[in-house]
Amino acid sequence: MIHLQERESNMTLLIVGLLVFLGAHSVRIVAEDWRTRQLARLGETTWKNIISVVSLLGFALLVWGYGQARAVPLDLWQPPRWTGHVTALLTLPAFVLLVAAYVPRNRIKAALGHPMILGVKLWAFAHLLSNGRANDVVLFGAFLAWAVVDFAAARRRDRLAGTRYPPGTTARDAAVVGVGIAAWALFALYLHGWLIGVRPFG
């Protein structure tokens, strides 16, 4: 009974953190007109500061809740061992997509428009494959659902606004891929084990 109550408390904390964090990043999806009014009233800097503070609060809550939930896990299923290797490999293009969002004039961003959201989608999907505990399903499932909805909304805004992204260059493409691979290797081989406690390659 004690473990059940503790598990429910930790999951509640995780869910609240996700609602706050993803909610802060969903204002443009569900309330574009309201967001526009707040930007005009508060100014871009103040608005961004508010969103940043709310996001940090939500992130802290979800990290805390997820960490506590891992201590009292609830197994929903046991993924095959090979799915861990698939997850590690799928996160490689996810890192490349994340880098593409910040390097100007690359062909990946020109083609996809919002590579960071796609990177989050791929990261979340990859982790759902190899994690069968309730806290993992809640965390990665929430991020996957948010990324699917956010990408569709972002592309719809692009179509309505007639947004065109500048064409990329070979040098910028090479930089995106190179930095993405290096960041993935650093995280997969060293930082993931240190920060998360799980070594993707054993």
Protein backbone atom coordinates (compact mmCIF):
# COMPACT_ATOMS: atom_id res chain seq x y z
CA MET A 1 0.00 0.00 0.00
CA ILE A 2 2.84 2.38 0.85
CA HIS A 3 4.56 1.69 -2.47
CA LEU A 4 1.25 2.22 -4.31
CA GLN A 5 0.68 5.60 -2.68
CA GLU A 6 4.28 6.64 -3.30
CA ARG A 7 4.03 5.56 -6.94
CA GLU A 8 0.80 7.52 -7.43
CA SER A 9 2.34 10.60 -5.81
CA ASN A 10 5.43 10.43 -8.02
CA MET A 11 3.37 9.90 -11.18
CA THR A 12 1.20 12.86 -10.25
CA LEU A 13 4.30 15.02 -9.90
CA LEU A 14 5.57 13.82 -13.28
CA ILE A 15 2.23 14.50 -14.95
CA VAL A 16 1.95 17.98 -13.44
CA GLY A 17 5.47 18.75 -14.63
CA LEU A 18 4.61 17.59 -18.13
CA LEU A 19 1.43 19.65 -18.19
CA VAL A 20 3.30 22.78 -17.12
CA PHE A 21 6.31 22.26 -19.42
CA LEU A 22 4.45 21.13 -22.52
CA GLY A 23 1.63 23.56 -21.80
CA ALA A 24 4.11 26.45 -21.93
CA HIS A 25 5.23 25.19 -25.33
CA SER A 26 1.67 24.70 -26.60
CA VAL A 27 0.28 28.22 -26.24
CA ARG A 28 0.76 28.90 -29.92
CA ILE A 29 -1.08 25.68 -30.80
CA VAL A 30 -4.21 26.32 -28.75
CA ALA A 31 -4.30 30.09 -28.28
CA GLU A 32 -2.48 31.87 -31.09
CA ASP A 33 -4.64 35.00 -30.93
CA TRP A 34 -4.25 35.29 -27.14
CA ARG A 35 -0.48 34.83 -27.49
CA THR A 36 -0.35 37.61 -30.08
CA ARG A 37 -2.21 39.95 -27.74
CA GLN A 38 0.12 39.15 -24.85
CA LEU A 39 3.16 39.76 -27.03
CA ALA A 40 1.78 43.17 -27.99
CA ARG A 41 0.90 44.01 -24.39
CA LEU A 42 4.03 42.71 -22.62
CA GLY A 43 6.67 42.89 -25.33
CA GLU A 44 8.63 40.00 -26.77
CA THR A 45 11.36 39.98 -24.10
CA THR A 46 8.96 39.90 -21.15
CA TRP A 47 6.80 37.24 -22.80
CA LYS A 48 9.81 35.04 -23.50
CA ASN A 49 11.03 35.47 -19.92
CA ILE A 50 7.65 34.38 -18.55
CA ILE A 51 7.56 31.32 -20.81
CA SER A 52 11.14 30.47 -19.83
CA VAL A 53 10.36 30.61 -16.11
CA VAL A 54 7.23 28.49 -16.49
CA SER A 55 9.14 26.01 -18.67
CA LEU A 56 11.95 25.70 -16.14
CA LEU A 57 9.45 25.09 -13.35
CA GLY A 58 7.69 22.42 -15.38
CA PHE A 59 11.00 20.82 -16.36
CA ALA A 60 12.16 20.70 -12.75
CA LEU A 61 8.88 19.07 -11.69
CA LEU A 62 8.93 16.46 -14.44
CA VAL A 63 12.58 15.58 -13.81
CA TRP A 64 11.91 15.26 -10.09
CA GLY A 65 8.75 13.22 -10.63
CA TYR A 66 10.39 10.98 -13.21
CA GLY A 67 13.38 10.35 -10.99
CA GLN A 68 11.17 9.50 -8.02
CA ALA A 69 8.94 7.26 -10.16
CA ARG A 70 12.00 5.30 -11.34
CA ALA A 71 12.71 4.40 -7.72
CA VAL A 72 9.29 2.71 -7.40
CA PRO A 73 8.71 1.43 -10.95
CA LEU A 74 5.64 -0.19 -12.44
CA ASP A 75 6.43 -2.55 -15.31
CA LEU A 76 3.82 -2.59 -18.07
CA TRP A 77 5.82 -4.87 -20.36
CA GLN A 78 9.39 -6.06 -20.85
CA PRO A 79 10.85 -4.81 -24.15
CA PRO A 80 13.25 -7.18 -25.95
CA ARG A 81 16.92 -6.42 -25.36
CA TRP A 82 17.54 -5.48 -29.00
CA THR A 83 15.17 -2.52 -28.76
CA GLY A 84 17.79 -0.71 -26.68
CA HIS A 85 20.17 -0.78 -29.65
CA VAL A 86 17.42 0.45 -31.97
CA THR A 87 16.75 3.35 -29.60
CA ALA A 88 20.43 4.29 -29.49
CA LEU A 89 20.64 4.30 -33.29
CA LEU A 90 17.39 6.23 -33.82
CA THR A 91 18.57 8.99 -31.54
CA LEU A 92 21.45 9.68 -33.94
CA PRO A 93 19.24 11.32 -36.60
CA ALA A 94 17.29 12.95 -33.74
CA PHE A 95 20.47 14.76 -32.67
CA VAL A 96 21.15 15.80 -36.27
CA LEU A 97 17.64 17.23 -36.51
CA LEU A 98 18.09 19.16 -33.26
CA VAL A 99 21.33 20.70 -34.54
CA ALA A 100 19.69 21.54 -37.88
CA ALA A 101 17.22 23.77 -36.05
CA TYR A 102 20.03 26.09 -34.92
CA VAL A 103 22.41 26.16 -37.89
CA PRO A 104 21.17 28.72 -40.45
CA ARG A 105 20.85 27.92 -44.14
CA ASN A 106 21.00 24.12 -44.10
CA ARG A 107 19.01 21.88 -46.41
CA ILE A 108 17.40 19.86 -43.59
CA LYS A 109 15.71 22.95 -42.16
CA ALA A 110 14.86 24.20 -45.63
CA ALA A 111 13.07 20.93 -46.39
CA LEU A 112 11.43 20.24 -43.04
CA GLY A 113 10.88 23.70 -41.62
CA HIS A 114 10.88 22.61 -37.98
CA PRO A 115 13.56 19.95 -37.52
CA MET A 116 13.76 20.39 -33.74
CA ILE A 117 10.16 19.25 -33.29
CA LEU A 118 10.84 16.26 -35.53
CA GLY A 119 13.95 15.51 -33.47
CA VAL A 120 11.86 15.47 -30.29
CA LYS A 121 9.32 13.23 -32.01
CA LEU A 122 11.98 10.75 -33.08
CA TRP A 123 13.67 10.85 -29.65
CA ALA A 124 10.40 10.15 -27.86
CA PHE A 125 9.36 7.37 -30.26
CA ALA A 126 12.78 5.72 -29.98
CA HIS A 127 12.60 5.66 -26.19
CA LEU A 128 9.08 4.25 -26.17
CA LEU A 129 10.41 1.23 -28.07
CA SER A 130 12.83 0.20 -25.34
CA ASN A 131 11.09 1.30 -22.15
CA GLY A 132 8.09 -0.52 -20.76
CA ARG A 133 7.62 1.11 -17.37
CA ALA A 134 4.68 3.37 -16.60
CA ASN A 135 6.80 6.45 -15.93
CA ASP A 136 8.61 5.98 -19.27
CA VAL A 137 5.36 5.57 -21.19
CA VAL A 138 3.92 8.71 -19.60
CA LEU A 139 7.06 10.80 -20.20
CA PHE A 140 7.94 9.75 -23.73
CA GLY A 141 4.32 9.25 -24.80
CA ALA A 142 3.48 12.81 -23.75
CA PHE A 143 6.43 14.25 -25.66
CA LEU A 144 5.59 12.18 -28.74
CA ALA A 145 1.95 13.29 -28.73
CA TRP A 146 2.96 16.93 -28.22
CA ALA A 147 5.53 16.79 -31.04
CA VAL A 148 3.02 15.28 -33.49
CA VAL A 149 0.46 18.01 -32.76
CA ASP A 150 3.01 20.83 -32.64
CA PHE A 151 4.64 19.88 -35.94
CA ALA A 152 1.27 19.75 -37.71
CA ALA A 153 0.34 23.15 -36.25
CA ALA A 154 3.69 24.69 -37.20
CA ARG A 155 3.50 23.47 -40.78
CA ARG A 156 -0.07 24.75 -41.04
CA ARG A 157 1.08 28.19 -39.89
CA ASP A 158 3.84 28.08 -42.50
CA ARG A 159 1.36 27.30 -45.26
CA LEU A 160 -1.03 30.06 -44.18
CA ALA A 161 1.78 32.61 -43.92
CA GLY A 162 3.49 31.46 -47.12
CA THR A 163 6.72 30.89 -45.18
CA ARG A 164 9.71 29.77 -47.21
CA TYR A 165 12.98 28.76 -45.58
CA PRO A 166 16.23 29.84 -47.27
CA PRO A 167 18.05 27.15 -49.27
CA GLY A 168 20.94 25.39 -47.62
CA THR A 169 24.57 24.98 -48.57
CA THR A 170 26.78 21.91 -48.60
CA ALA A 171 29.09 23.38 -45.98
CA ARG A 172 26.21 24.06 -43.57
CA ASP A 173 24.79 20.58 -44.19
CA ALA A 174 28.17 19.03 -43.37
CA ALA A 175 28.37 21.12 -40.19
CA VAL A 176 24.92 19.99 -39.09
CA VAL A 177 25.69 16.32 -39.64
CA GLY A 178 29.16 16.53 -38.10
CA VAL A 179 28.07 18.37 -34.97
CA GLY A 180 24.99 16.17 -34.64
CA ILE A 181 27.05 12.96 -34.78
CA ALA A 182 29.63 14.33 -32.33
CA ALA A 183 26.93 15.44 -29.87
CA TRP A 184 25.17 12.08 -30.16
CA ALA A 185 28.40 10.16 -29.55
CA LEU A 186 29.29 12.31 -26.54
CA PHE A 187 25.86 11.88 -25.01
CA ALA A 188 25.41 8.20 -25.84
CA LEU A 189 28.87 7.08 -24.74
CA TYR A 190 29.39 9.32 -21.72
CA LEU A 191 26.72 11.79 -20.62
CA HIS A 192 23.68 9.49 -20.79
CA GLY A 193 25.17 7.08 -18.28
CA TRP A 194 26.30 9.90 -16.00
CA LEU A 195 23.07 11.91 -16.11
CA ILE A 196 20.43 9.21 -16.58
CA GLY A 197 22.15 6.19 -15.10
CA VAL A 198 21.71 4.07 -18.24
CA ARG A 199 24.50 3.31 -20.70
CA PRO A 200 23.00 2.81 -24.19
CA PHE A 201 25.87 0.60 -25.33
CA GLY A 202 26.44 -1.20 -22.05
